[in-house]
Structures are given as C-alpha cells and as structure tokens.
C-alpha cells in the first residue's frame, strides 16, 4: 500500500520540523554561545552538559547553581572591595571550575569510600560556632552568612563546607596511604585538566 502525505499535511510536518530544529538551535546557541542564565534555559535546558569529569557529567543547571551562588557573593563582597559586584566571564569560568573541582574530588572520594554525612556537616557548623565564641548562636551565624555572602545555611553547606570537608578527607586518605599532599594536588589537577575533564562552555579572557 502506498502512503502519501497530503500537501497540507506535508506543509504542517515541515513546519513542525523547522520549529523543533529552530528551537533546538536557539537552545544550544543560548547555552554554549551566550551562556544564558534566563528562565527559559533554566526551564528547558538545564539538562544540557556543561562539562564532564571522567564519566561524571556536570549539567548546565548545576553550573547555573554555582553561578547563582557566586553572583550572591559578588553582589555583596564586590562593592565592599571596591568592585562593581557584577558577574563577569572570569567569575562564570570560576563557577564552572568549582563544579569541575567538586566532581573531581567526589570521584576520588567514591574510589576511596569516603563520605561526608549530614551529621558531619552539622558537627562542623557546631565547631565553627565554638571557635567563634560561646555567645554565638546558630541564628547569628545564619544572619552572618546572609549578610556577608548572601547565602543561607544549606547553600553554605553545599557550596563551601561540604566540598571542603570531602576534599580534606580525601587529602588525609592520601597521607594515610603513604603519599603526600603534593600527590593529592597533582592527582586533582590531572582530573580537572584536559583530556580527563572536558569543559563545553568556553569563556573569553
């Protein structure tokens, strides 16, 4: 049996194909050329790959999480240091590098069976409060994070404390295995560099 599309159906199908390819092209252009941070790319393009570390993929949405965290920090700390407080390509590249570093450390931690638990994070917060003084409360600490960095406690744990604890744990494991901190740094650098790590977003200097 011969199957033929009617002219009207053929036109409709052609329009659908054009729209799909046009939308895909616009999405890719927005992510990889313009490095869009708008609501559209967040809604439909967060799955796009921004980078890769070994077999671990870093999606565009995760990259934007790091951009948002850096933007909050820059908005407060930038003017305090005589800067505009606006994000630049250098800060965006730094945000992507932080995501790459976190994944590289996480990969090493997985290989060594090292984990950071929610209890570890809470204990680290308690230790920070103790070092700050017996009169410092968790409420005051949260106010400090918001005022100085623009972050809440969960963001502080995710972007700063958690990665720092995990990296320190991996570093200690290297030393326990008879290696040095320099060995750890060299291995981390290797995993963050080409060809092991691939960054699909390119920024101007």
N, C-alpha and C. Protein backbone atom coordinates (compact mmCIF):
# COMPACT_ATOMS: atom_id res chain seq x y z
N UNK A 1 0.85 -1.19 0.00
CA UNK A 1 0.00 0.00 0.00
C UNK A 1 0.88 1.24 0.00
N UNK A 2 0.63 2.14 -0.91
CA UNK A 2 1.41 3.37 -0.98
C UNK A 2 0.88 4.38 0.04
N UNK A 3 1.84 5.04 0.67
CA UNK A 3 1.46 6.05 1.68
C UNK A 3 1.96 7.40 1.23
N UNK A 4 1.05 8.33 1.07
CA UNK A 4 1.43 9.65 0.62
C UNK A 4 0.80 10.70 1.53
N UNK A 5 1.61 11.65 1.89
CA UNK A 5 1.09 12.76 2.69
C UNK A 5 0.40 13.76 1.78
N UNK A 6 -0.72 14.25 2.25
CA UNK A 6 -1.39 15.31 1.53
C UNK A 6 -0.55 16.58 1.62
N UNK A 7 -0.65 17.44 0.63
CA UNK A 7 0.15 18.68 0.66
C UNK A 7 0.02 19.45 1.95
N UNK A 8 -1.19 19.54 2.48
CA UNK A 8 -1.39 20.29 3.73
C UNK A 8 -0.66 19.62 4.88
N UNK A 9 -0.71 18.28 4.92
CA UNK A 9 -0.03 17.53 5.98
C UNK A 9 1.48 17.66 5.84
N UNK A 10 1.96 17.66 4.60
CA UNK A 10 3.39 17.80 4.35
C UNK A 10 3.89 19.16 4.80
N UNK A 11 3.09 20.18 4.54
CA UNK A 11 3.47 21.53 4.97
C UNK A 11 3.50 21.62 6.49
N UNK A 12 2.48 21.03 7.13
CA UNK A 12 2.42 21.06 8.59
C UNK A 12 3.60 20.33 9.20
N UNK A 13 3.95 19.16 8.63
CA UNK A 13 5.09 18.39 9.13
C UNK A 13 6.38 19.16 8.95
N UNK A 14 6.53 19.82 7.81
CA UNK A 14 7.73 20.62 7.56
C UNK A 14 7.85 21.75 8.56
N UNK A 15 6.72 22.39 8.87
CA UNK A 15 6.74 23.48 9.85
C UNK A 15 7.14 22.98 11.23
N UNK A 16 6.61 21.78 11.59
CA UNK A 16 6.96 21.20 12.89
C UNK A 16 8.45 20.92 12.97
N UNK A 17 9.01 20.35 11.89
CA UNK A 17 10.44 20.06 11.86
C UNK A 17 11.25 21.34 11.98
N UNK A 18 10.83 22.38 11.27
CA UNK A 18 11.53 23.65 11.34
C UNK A 18 11.49 24.24 12.74
N UNK A 19 10.32 24.15 13.37
CA UNK A 19 10.18 24.69 14.73
C UNK A 19 11.06 23.93 15.70
N UNK A 20 11.06 22.59 15.60
CA UNK A 20 11.86 21.77 16.50
C UNK A 20 13.34 22.07 16.34
N UNK A 21 13.80 22.08 15.08
CA UNK A 21 15.22 22.34 14.85
C UNK A 21 15.57 23.78 15.20
N UNK A 22 14.65 24.70 14.95
CA UNK A 22 14.89 26.09 15.30
C UNK A 22 14.99 26.29 16.80
N UNK A 23 14.09 25.62 17.54
CA UNK A 23 14.12 25.73 19.00
C UNK A 23 15.38 25.09 19.56
N UNK A 24 15.77 23.93 19.00
CA UNK A 24 16.99 23.27 19.47
C UNK A 24 18.21 24.12 19.21
N UNK A 25 18.25 24.72 18.03
CA UNK A 25 19.38 25.58 17.70
C UNK A 25 19.45 26.79 18.61
N UNK A 26 18.29 27.38 18.90
CA UNK A 26 18.25 28.54 19.80
C UNK A 26 18.69 28.16 21.20
N UNK A 27 18.29 26.95 21.63
CA UNK A 27 18.66 26.48 22.96
C UNK A 27 20.17 26.28 23.05
N UNK A 28 20.75 25.64 22.06
CA UNK A 28 22.18 25.40 22.04
C UNK A 28 22.96 26.72 21.94
N UNK A 29 22.47 27.63 21.12
CA UNK A 29 23.12 28.94 20.98
C UNK A 29 23.08 29.69 22.30
N UNK A 30 21.92 29.64 22.97
CA UNK A 30 21.79 30.33 24.25
C UNK A 30 22.72 29.78 25.31
N UNK A 31 22.92 28.46 25.30
CA UNK A 31 23.76 27.85 26.33
C UNK A 31 25.25 28.00 26.01
N UNK A 32 25.65 27.62 24.80
CA UNK A 32 27.07 27.48 24.51
C UNK A 32 27.72 28.72 23.90
N UNK A 33 26.91 29.64 23.42
CA UNK A 33 27.47 30.87 22.86
C UNK A 33 27.20 32.05 23.79
N UNK A 34 25.94 32.18 24.21
CA UNK A 34 25.58 33.34 25.04
C UNK A 34 25.67 33.04 26.54
N UNK A 35 25.79 31.75 26.90
CA UNK A 35 25.83 31.36 28.31
C UNK A 35 24.64 31.94 29.06
N UNK A 36 23.47 31.72 28.50
CA UNK A 36 22.24 32.29 29.04
C UNK A 36 21.98 31.84 30.47
N UNK A 37 21.44 32.75 31.25
CA UNK A 37 21.08 32.44 32.64
C UNK A 37 19.61 32.74 32.91
N UNK A 38 18.83 32.89 31.83
CA UNK A 38 17.43 33.27 31.95
C UNK A 38 16.50 32.12 32.29
N UNK A 39 15.23 32.46 32.42
CA UNK A 39 14.23 31.47 32.86
C UNK A 39 14.03 30.37 31.83
N UNK A 40 14.17 30.69 30.54
CA UNK A 40 13.93 29.69 29.51
C UNK A 40 14.97 28.59 29.57
N UNK A 41 16.25 28.97 29.62
CA UNK A 41 17.31 27.96 29.66
C UNK A 41 17.23 27.16 30.96
N UNK A 42 16.81 27.79 32.04
CA UNK A 42 16.67 27.07 33.31
C UNK A 42 15.52 26.07 33.25
N UNK A 43 14.48 26.41 32.48
CA UNK A 43 13.30 25.55 32.42
C UNK A 43 13.49 24.37 31.47
N UNK A 44 14.13 24.62 30.32
CA UNK A 44 14.18 23.56 29.30
C UNK A 44 15.59 23.13 28.93
N UNK A 45 16.62 23.84 29.42
CA UNK A 45 17.97 23.50 29.01
C UNK A 45 18.90 23.08 30.13
N UNK A 46 18.35 22.88 31.33
CA UNK A 46 19.21 22.55 32.47
C UNK A 46 19.88 21.19 32.32
N UNK A 47 19.34 20.35 31.41
CA UNK A 47 19.90 19.01 31.21
C UNK A 47 21.13 19.01 30.29
N UNK A 48 21.36 20.11 29.60
CA UNK A 48 22.50 20.17 28.67
C UNK A 48 23.81 19.99 29.42
N UNK A 49 24.78 19.30 28.83
CA UNK A 49 26.08 19.12 29.51
C UNK A 49 26.91 20.40 29.49
N UNK A 50 27.41 20.81 30.64
CA UNK A 50 28.28 21.97 30.74
C UNK A 50 29.74 21.54 30.79
N UNK A 51 29.98 20.38 31.38
CA UNK A 51 31.35 19.85 31.50
C UNK A 51 31.25 18.37 31.84
N UNK A 52 32.41 17.72 31.86
CA UNK A 52 32.46 16.30 32.20
C UNK A 52 33.78 16.01 32.88
N UNK A 53 33.73 15.24 33.96
CA UNK A 53 34.93 14.82 34.68
C UNK A 53 34.94 13.30 34.70
N UNK A 54 35.84 12.71 33.93
CA UNK A 54 35.81 11.26 33.81
C UNK A 54 34.48 10.84 33.20
N UNK A 55 33.73 10.05 33.94
CA UNK A 55 32.40 9.64 33.49
C UNK A 55 31.29 10.45 34.15
N UNK A 56 31.65 11.43 34.95
CA UNK A 56 30.68 12.25 35.67
C UNK A 56 30.31 13.49 34.86
N UNK A 57 29.03 13.62 34.55
CA UNK A 57 28.57 14.76 33.77
C UNK A 57 28.12 15.90 34.68
N UNK A 58 28.47 17.11 34.29
CA UNK A 58 28.03 18.31 35.00
C UNK A 58 27.02 19.01 34.10
N UNK A 59 25.79 19.06 34.52
CA UNK A 59 24.75 19.62 33.68
C UNK A 59 24.71 21.14 33.79
N UNK A 60 24.10 21.75 32.80
CA UNK A 60 24.04 23.21 32.74
C UNK A 60 23.33 23.78 33.96
N UNK A 61 22.29 23.08 34.43
CA UNK A 61 21.58 23.56 35.61
C UNK A 61 22.47 23.60 36.84
N UNK A 62 23.36 22.62 36.98
CA UNK A 62 24.29 22.61 38.10
C UNK A 62 25.29 23.76 37.97
N UNK A 63 25.76 23.99 36.75
CA UNK A 63 26.64 25.14 36.52
C UNK A 63 25.95 26.43 36.93
N UNK A 64 24.67 26.58 36.58
CA UNK A 64 23.93 27.80 36.94
C UNK A 64 23.77 27.92 38.46
N UNK A 65 23.66 26.81 39.17
CA UNK A 65 23.60 26.87 40.64
C UNK A 65 24.87 27.52 41.19
N UNK A 66 26.01 27.14 40.63
CA UNK A 66 27.28 27.73 41.08
C UNK A 66 27.39 29.20 40.65
N UNK A 67 26.85 29.53 39.48
CA UNK A 67 26.82 30.93 39.05
C UNK A 67 25.97 31.75 40.00
N UNK A 68 24.81 31.23 40.37
CA UNK A 68 23.92 31.94 41.29
C UNK A 68 24.59 32.18 42.64
N UNK A 69 25.28 31.16 43.13
CA UNK A 69 25.97 31.29 44.42
C UNK A 69 27.07 32.34 44.33
N UNK A 70 27.82 32.32 43.22
CA UNK A 70 28.89 33.30 43.04
C UNK A 70 28.32 34.70 42.87
N UNK A 71 27.17 34.81 42.19
CA UNK A 71 26.55 36.12 41.97
C UNK A 71 26.11 36.74 43.29
N UNK A 72 25.57 35.92 44.19
CA UNK A 72 25.18 36.42 45.50
C UNK A 72 26.39 36.94 46.26
N UNK A 73 27.47 36.17 46.18
CA UNK A 73 28.70 36.56 46.87
C UNK A 73 29.25 37.86 46.28
N UNK A 74 29.30 37.95 44.95
CA UNK A 74 29.84 39.13 44.29
C UNK A 74 29.01 40.37 44.56
N UNK A 75 27.68 40.21 44.62
CA UNK A 75 26.80 41.36 44.83
C UNK A 75 27.08 42.02 46.17
N UNK A 76 27.52 41.23 47.15
CA UNK A 76 27.78 41.78 48.48
C UNK A 76 29.25 42.12 48.66
N UNK A 77 30.13 41.19 48.31
CA UNK A 77 31.55 41.39 48.54
C UNK A 77 32.21 42.31 47.51
N UNK A 78 31.67 42.33 46.28
CA UNK A 78 32.25 43.18 45.25
C UNK A 78 32.31 44.64 45.65
N UNK A 79 31.16 45.27 45.95
CA UNK A 79 31.18 46.67 46.38
C UNK A 79 32.02 46.90 47.63
N UNK A 80 32.05 45.92 48.54
CA UNK A 80 32.84 46.07 49.77
C UNK A 80 34.33 46.14 49.46
N UNK A 81 34.73 45.58 48.31
CA UNK A 81 36.14 45.59 47.91
C UNK A 81 36.41 46.57 46.77
N UNK A 82 35.45 47.47 46.55
CA UNK A 82 35.63 48.48 45.52
C UNK A 82 35.35 48.02 44.12
N UNK A 83 34.68 46.88 43.96
CA UNK A 83 34.34 46.34 42.65
C UNK A 83 32.87 46.60 42.35
N UNK A 84 32.47 46.37 41.10
CA UNK A 84 31.10 46.66 40.71
C UNK A 84 30.09 45.69 41.33
N UNK A 85 30.55 44.48 41.60
CA UNK A 85 29.64 43.46 42.13
C UNK A 85 28.93 42.68 41.05
N UNK A 86 29.17 43.03 39.78
CA UNK A 86 28.54 42.32 38.67
C UNK A 86 29.37 41.11 38.27
N UNK A 87 28.70 40.08 37.82
CA UNK A 87 29.39 38.88 37.36
C UNK A 87 30.06 39.14 36.01
N UNK A 88 31.25 38.60 35.84
CA UNK A 88 31.98 38.67 34.58
C UNK A 88 32.22 37.25 34.08
N UNK A 89 32.77 37.15 32.87
CA UNK A 89 33.10 35.82 32.34
C UNK A 89 34.14 35.12 33.21
N UNK A 90 35.02 35.90 33.84
CA UNK A 90 36.02 35.30 34.72
C UNK A 90 35.35 34.61 35.89
N UNK A 91 34.32 35.26 36.49
CA UNK A 91 33.60 34.63 37.59
C UNK A 91 32.79 33.42 37.12
N UNK A 92 32.24 33.52 35.92
CA UNK A 92 31.47 32.39 35.39
C UNK A 92 32.39 31.19 35.11
N UNK A 93 33.56 31.47 34.57
CA UNK A 93 34.54 30.39 34.36
C UNK A 93 34.96 29.80 35.70
N UNK A 94 35.10 30.65 36.71
CA UNK A 94 35.43 30.17 38.04
C UNK A 94 34.33 29.30 38.63
N UNK A 95 33.07 29.66 38.35
CA UNK A 95 31.95 28.86 38.83
C UNK A 95 31.97 27.47 38.20
N UNK A 96 32.27 27.42 36.91
CA UNK A 96 32.37 26.12 36.24
C UNK A 96 33.54 25.32 36.78
N UNK A 97 34.66 25.98 37.03
CA UNK A 97 35.83 25.29 37.59
C UNK A 97 35.53 24.72 38.98
N UNK A 98 34.75 25.45 39.77
CA UNK A 98 34.38 24.93 41.10
C UNK A 98 33.54 23.67 40.97
N UNK A 99 32.62 23.68 40.01
CA UNK A 99 31.81 22.48 39.79
C UNK A 99 32.69 21.32 39.35
N UNK A 100 33.65 21.58 38.46
CA UNK A 100 34.58 20.54 38.00
C UNK A 100 35.40 20.02 39.17
N UNK A 101 35.89 20.91 40.02
CA UNK A 101 36.70 20.50 41.17
C UNK A 101 35.90 19.62 42.12
N UNK A 102 34.67 20.03 42.40
CA UNK A 102 33.83 19.25 43.31
C UNK A 102 33.61 17.84 42.77
N UNK A 103 33.35 17.72 41.46
CA UNK A 103 33.13 16.41 40.87
C UNK A 103 34.42 15.58 40.86
N UNK A 104 35.54 16.23 40.62
CA UNK A 104 36.81 15.50 40.62
C UNK A 104 37.11 14.95 42.01
N UNK A 105 36.89 15.76 43.03
CA UNK A 105 37.10 15.31 44.41
C UNK A 105 36.11 14.21 44.76
N UNK A 106 34.85 14.38 44.33
CA UNK A 106 33.83 13.37 44.63
C UNK A 106 34.18 12.03 44.00
N UNK A 107 34.73 12.08 42.79
CA UNK A 107 35.14 10.84 42.12
C UNK A 107 36.25 10.15 42.92
N UNK A 108 37.22 10.92 43.39
CA UNK A 108 38.29 10.36 44.19
C UNK A 108 37.75 9.81 45.51
N UNK A 109 36.80 10.53 46.11
CA UNK A 109 36.20 10.08 47.37
C UNK A 109 35.44 8.77 47.17
N UNK A 110 34.72 8.67 46.06
CA UNK A 110 33.98 7.43 45.78
C UNK A 110 34.92 6.25 45.67
N UNK A 111 36.06 6.45 45.03
CA UNK A 111 37.04 5.38 44.87
C UNK A 111 37.63 4.95 46.21
N UNK A 112 37.68 5.88 47.17
CA UNK A 112 38.25 5.59 48.49
C UNK A 112 37.19 5.33 49.54
N UNK A 113 35.92 5.30 49.12
CA UNK A 113 34.80 5.07 50.04
C UNK A 113 34.76 6.12 51.16
N UNK A 114 34.99 7.36 50.79
CA UNK A 114 34.93 8.46 51.74
C UNK A 114 33.64 9.24 51.52
N UNK A 115 32.92 9.49 52.60
CA UNK A 115 31.65 10.23 52.51
C UNK A 115 31.62 11.32 53.57
N UNK A 116 30.84 12.34 53.28
CA UNK A 116 30.54 13.38 54.26
C UNK A 116 29.04 13.31 54.52
N UNK A 117 28.67 13.06 55.76
CA UNK A 117 27.27 12.88 56.11
C UNK A 117 26.67 14.20 56.60
N UNK A 118 25.33 14.29 56.64
CA UNK A 118 24.69 15.47 57.22
C UNK A 118 25.15 15.73 58.65
N UNK A 119 25.41 14.65 59.41
CA UNK A 119 25.90 14.81 60.78
C UNK A 119 27.29 15.45 60.78
N UNK A 120 28.13 15.06 59.83
CA UNK A 120 29.47 15.68 59.71
C UNK A 120 29.34 17.18 59.48
N UNK A 121 28.39 17.57 58.63
CA UNK A 121 28.19 18.98 58.33
C UNK A 121 27.70 19.73 59.57
N UNK A 122 26.77 19.14 60.28
CA UNK A 122 26.24 19.79 61.49
C UNK A 122 27.34 19.94 62.55
N UNK A 123 28.16 18.91 62.69
CA UNK A 123 29.25 18.98 63.66
C UNK A 123 30.26 20.06 63.27
N UNK A 124 30.50 20.20 61.97
CA UNK A 124 31.43 21.23 61.52
C UNK A 124 30.87 22.62 61.81
N UNK A 125 29.55 22.78 61.65
CA UNK A 125 28.90 24.06 61.99
C UNK A 125 29.05 24.33 63.48
N UNK A 126 28.82 23.31 64.30
CA UNK A 126 28.96 23.47 65.75
C UNK A 126 30.38 23.86 66.12
N UNK A 127 31.35 23.24 65.48
CA UNK A 127 32.75 23.56 65.74
C UNK A 127 33.06 25.00 65.36
N UNK A 128 32.49 25.45 64.26
CA UNK A 128 32.67 26.83 63.81
C UNK A 128 32.10 27.79 64.85
N UNK A 129 30.94 27.47 65.38
CA UNK A 129 30.32 28.33 66.39
C UNK A 129 31.16 28.36 67.66
N UNK A 130 31.72 27.23 68.05
CA UNK A 130 32.56 27.17 69.24
C UNK A 130 33.81 28.03 69.08
N UNK A 131 34.39 27.97 67.89
CA UNK A 131 35.59 28.76 67.63
C UNK A 131 35.27 30.26 67.58
N UNK A 132 34.03 30.59 67.19
CA UNK A 132 33.65 32.00 67.10
C UNK A 132 33.38 32.60 68.47
N UNK A 133 33.10 31.75 69.47
CA UNK A 133 32.82 32.26 70.81
C UNK A 133 31.57 31.61 71.38
N UNK A 134 31.56 31.46 72.69
CA UNK A 134 30.45 30.75 73.34
C UNK A 134 29.13 31.48 73.20
N UNK A 135 29.16 32.80 72.94
CA UNK A 135 27.91 33.56 72.86
C UNK A 135 27.30 33.55 71.46
N UNK A 136 28.01 32.99 70.48
CA UNK A 136 27.50 32.98 69.11
C UNK A 136 26.45 31.89 68.95
N UNK A 137 25.29 32.25 68.42
CA UNK A 137 24.20 31.30 68.22
C UNK A 137 24.09 30.93 66.74
N UNK A 138 23.34 29.85 66.46
CA UNK A 138 23.15 29.43 65.08
C UNK A 138 22.38 30.50 64.31
N UNK A 139 21.49 31.20 65.00
CA UNK A 139 20.75 32.27 64.34
C UNK A 139 21.66 33.40 63.91
N UNK A 140 22.61 33.76 64.77
CA UNK A 140 23.56 34.81 64.43
C UNK A 140 24.46 34.37 63.28
N UNK A 141 24.83 33.08 63.29
CA UNK A 141 25.67 32.56 62.21
C UNK A 141 24.92 32.63 60.88
N UNK A 142 23.64 32.28 60.89
CA UNK A 142 22.84 32.34 59.66
C UNK A 142 22.70 33.78 59.18
N UNK A 143 22.52 34.71 60.10
CA UNK A 143 22.45 36.12 59.73
C UNK A 143 23.77 36.59 59.11
N UNK A 144 24.87 36.10 59.66
CA UNK A 144 26.20 36.45 59.14
C UNK A 144 26.34 35.94 57.70
N UNK A 145 25.94 34.69 57.46
CA UNK A 145 26.04 34.13 56.11
C UNK A 145 25.23 34.95 55.12
N UNK A 146 24.04 35.34 55.51
CA UNK A 146 23.16 36.10 54.63
C UNK A 146 23.72 37.50 54.38
N UNK A 147 24.24 38.13 55.43
CA UNK A 147 24.74 39.50 55.31
C UNK A 147 26.04 39.57 54.52
N UNK A 148 26.96 38.66 54.78
CA UNK A 148 28.30 38.73 54.18
C UNK A 148 28.37 38.03 52.83
N UNK A 149 27.64 36.91 52.69
CA UNK A 149 27.75 36.12 51.47
C UNK A 149 26.45 36.04 50.66
N UNK A 150 25.33 36.38 51.29
CA UNK A 150 24.06 36.26 50.61
C UNK A 150 23.57 34.83 50.52
N UNK A 151 24.11 33.95 51.35
CA UNK A 151 23.75 32.54 51.33
C UNK A 151 22.96 32.16 52.58
N UNK A 152 22.15 31.11 52.45
CA UNK A 152 21.56 30.51 53.63
C UNK A 152 22.45 29.34 54.08
N UNK A 153 22.06 28.69 55.16
CA UNK A 153 22.91 27.63 55.72
C UNK A 153 23.07 26.46 54.76
N UNK A 154 21.98 26.09 54.07
CA UNK A 154 22.06 24.97 53.14
C UNK A 154 23.01 25.27 51.98
N UNK A 155 22.98 26.52 51.48
CA UNK A 155 23.89 26.89 50.40
C UNK A 155 25.33 26.88 50.88
N UNK A 156 25.55 27.33 52.10
CA UNK A 156 26.90 27.30 52.66
C UNK A 156 27.41 25.86 52.75
N UNK A 157 26.55 24.96 53.19
CA UNK A 157 26.95 23.55 53.29
C UNK A 157 27.24 22.96 51.91
N UNK A 158 26.39 23.30 50.95
CA UNK A 158 26.52 22.70 49.62
C UNK A 158 27.72 23.21 48.86
N UNK A 159 27.94 24.53 48.89
CA UNK A 159 28.96 25.11 48.03
C UNK A 159 30.31 25.29 48.71
N UNK A 160 30.34 25.34 50.04
CA UNK A 160 31.60 25.59 50.74
C UNK A 160 31.97 24.46 51.70
N UNK A 161 31.14 24.26 52.69
CA UNK A 161 31.50 23.35 53.77
C UNK A 161 31.61 21.90 53.32
N UNK A 162 30.59 21.40 52.64
CA UNK A 162 30.60 20.00 52.19
C UNK A 162 31.79 19.68 51.31
N UNK A 163 32.02 20.46 50.23
CA UNK A 163 33.19 20.20 49.39
C UNK A 163 34.51 20.31 50.15
N UNK A 164 34.59 21.26 51.09
CA UNK A 164 35.84 21.42 51.85
C UNK A 164 36.10 20.21 52.73
N UNK A 165 35.07 19.70 53.40
CA UNK A 165 35.23 18.52 54.26
C UNK A 165 35.60 17.30 53.44
N UNK A 166 34.96 17.14 52.29
CA UNK A 166 35.25 15.97 51.45
C UNK A 166 36.67 16.04 50.91
N UNK A 167 37.09 17.21 50.48
CA UNK A 167 38.44 17.36 49.96
C UNK A 167 39.48 17.08 51.05
N UNK A 168 39.21 17.57 52.25
CA UNK A 168 40.12 17.32 53.36
C UNK A 168 40.19 15.83 53.69
N UNK A 169 39.04 15.15 53.61
CA UNK A 169 39.02 13.71 53.86
C UNK A 169 39.83 12.94 52.85
N UNK A 170 39.72 13.31 51.58
CA UNK A 170 40.49 12.64 50.53
C UNK A 170 41.99 12.91 50.72
N UNK A 171 42.30 14.14 51.08
CA UNK A 171 43.71 14.51 51.29
C UNK A 171 44.31 13.68 52.43
N UNK A 172 43.56 13.54 53.52
CA UNK A 172 44.04 12.73 54.66
C UNK A 172 44.23 11.28 54.25
N UNK A 173 43.34 10.77 53.40
CA UNK A 173 43.45 9.38 52.94
C UNK A 173 44.72 9.20 52.11
N UNK A 174 45.09 10.17 51.32
CA UNK A 174 46.33 10.11 50.55
C UNK A 174 47.52 9.97 51.50
N UNK A 175 47.52 10.78 52.55
CA UNK A 175 48.63 10.77 53.50
C UNK A 175 48.68 9.43 54.24
N UNK A 176 47.50 8.91 54.61
CA UNK A 176 47.46 7.61 55.30
C UNK A 176 48.00 6.49 54.42
N UNK A 177 47.81 6.64 53.12
CA UNK A 177 48.29 5.61 52.18
C UNK A 177 49.76 5.78 51.82
N UNK A 178 50.47 6.68 52.53
CA UNK A 178 51.89 6.85 52.30
C UNK A 178 52.23 7.86 51.24
N UNK A 179 51.24 8.60 50.76
CA UNK A 179 51.51 9.64 49.76
C UNK A 179 51.58 10.99 50.47
N UNK A 180 51.66 12.05 49.69
CA UNK A 180 51.79 13.39 50.26
C UNK A 180 50.65 14.28 49.77
N UNK A 181 50.53 15.44 50.41
CA UNK A 181 49.53 16.41 49.96
C UNK A 181 49.85 16.87 48.54
N UNK A 182 51.14 16.91 48.20
CA UNK A 182 51.53 17.27 46.83
C UNK A 182 51.02 16.23 45.83
N UNK A 183 51.03 14.95 46.24
CA UNK A 183 50.49 13.89 45.38
C UNK A 183 48.99 14.10 45.16
N UNK A 184 48.30 14.47 46.23
CA UNK A 184 46.87 14.74 46.13
C UNK A 184 46.61 15.89 45.15
N UNK A 185 47.36 16.97 45.30
CA UNK A 185 47.19 18.13 44.44
C UNK A 185 47.46 17.79 42.98
N UNK A 186 48.50 17.00 42.74
CA UNK A 186 48.83 16.61 41.37
C UNK A 186 47.72 15.77 40.76
N UNK A 187 47.16 14.85 41.55
CA UNK A 187 46.08 14.00 41.03
C UNK A 187 44.82 14.81 40.78
N UNK A 188 44.52 15.74 41.68
CA UNK A 188 43.35 16.59 41.50
C UNK A 188 43.52 17.46 40.25
N UNK A 189 44.70 18.01 40.07
CA UNK A 189 44.97 18.82 38.88
C UNK A 189 44.79 18.00 37.61
N UNK A 190 45.24 16.75 37.66
CA UNK A 190 45.12 15.89 36.48
C UNK A 190 43.66 15.67 36.12
N UNK A 191 42.85 15.44 37.14
CA UNK A 191 41.43 15.14 36.89
C UNK A 191 40.63 16.39 36.51
N UNK A 192 41.17 17.55 36.81
CA UNK A 192 40.49 18.79 36.44
C UNK A 192 40.94 19.33 35.09
N UNK A 193 41.96 18.69 34.50
CA UNK A 193 42.54 19.20 33.26
C UNK A 193 42.16 18.31 32.08
N UNK A 194 42.30 18.88 30.87
CA UNK A 194 42.14 18.09 29.65
C UNK A 194 43.24 17.04 29.58
N UNK A 195 42.98 15.87 29.03
CA UNK A 195 41.71 15.47 28.42
C UNK A 195 40.75 14.80 29.40
N UNK A 196 41.17 14.63 30.68
CA UNK A 196 40.31 13.93 31.63
C UNK A 196 39.03 14.72 31.88
N UNK A 197 39.16 16.02 32.06
CA UNK A 197 38.00 16.89 32.25
C UNK A 197 37.75 17.67 30.96
N UNK A 198 36.49 17.74 30.57
CA UNK A 198 36.14 18.48 29.37
C UNK A 198 35.13 19.57 29.74
N UNK A 199 35.44 20.80 29.38
CA UNK A 199 34.54 21.93 29.61
C UNK A 199 33.90 22.31 28.28
N UNK A 200 32.59 22.23 28.21
CA UNK A 200 31.88 22.53 26.98
C UNK A 200 31.52 24.01 26.87
N UNK A 201 31.63 24.73 27.97
CA UNK A 201 31.39 26.17 27.96
C UNK A 201 32.73 26.87 27.88
N UNK A 202 32.87 27.76 26.93
CA UNK A 202 34.11 28.49 26.72
C UNK A 202 33.88 29.98 27.01
N UNK A 203 34.79 30.57 27.78
CA UNK A 203 34.65 31.96 28.19
C UNK A 203 35.83 32.77 27.67
N UNK A 204 35.57 34.03 27.33
CA UNK A 204 36.64 34.91 26.88
C UNK A 204 37.46 35.36 28.08
N UNK A 205 38.73 35.62 27.87
CA UNK A 205 39.62 36.05 28.94
C UNK A 205 39.41 37.53 29.25
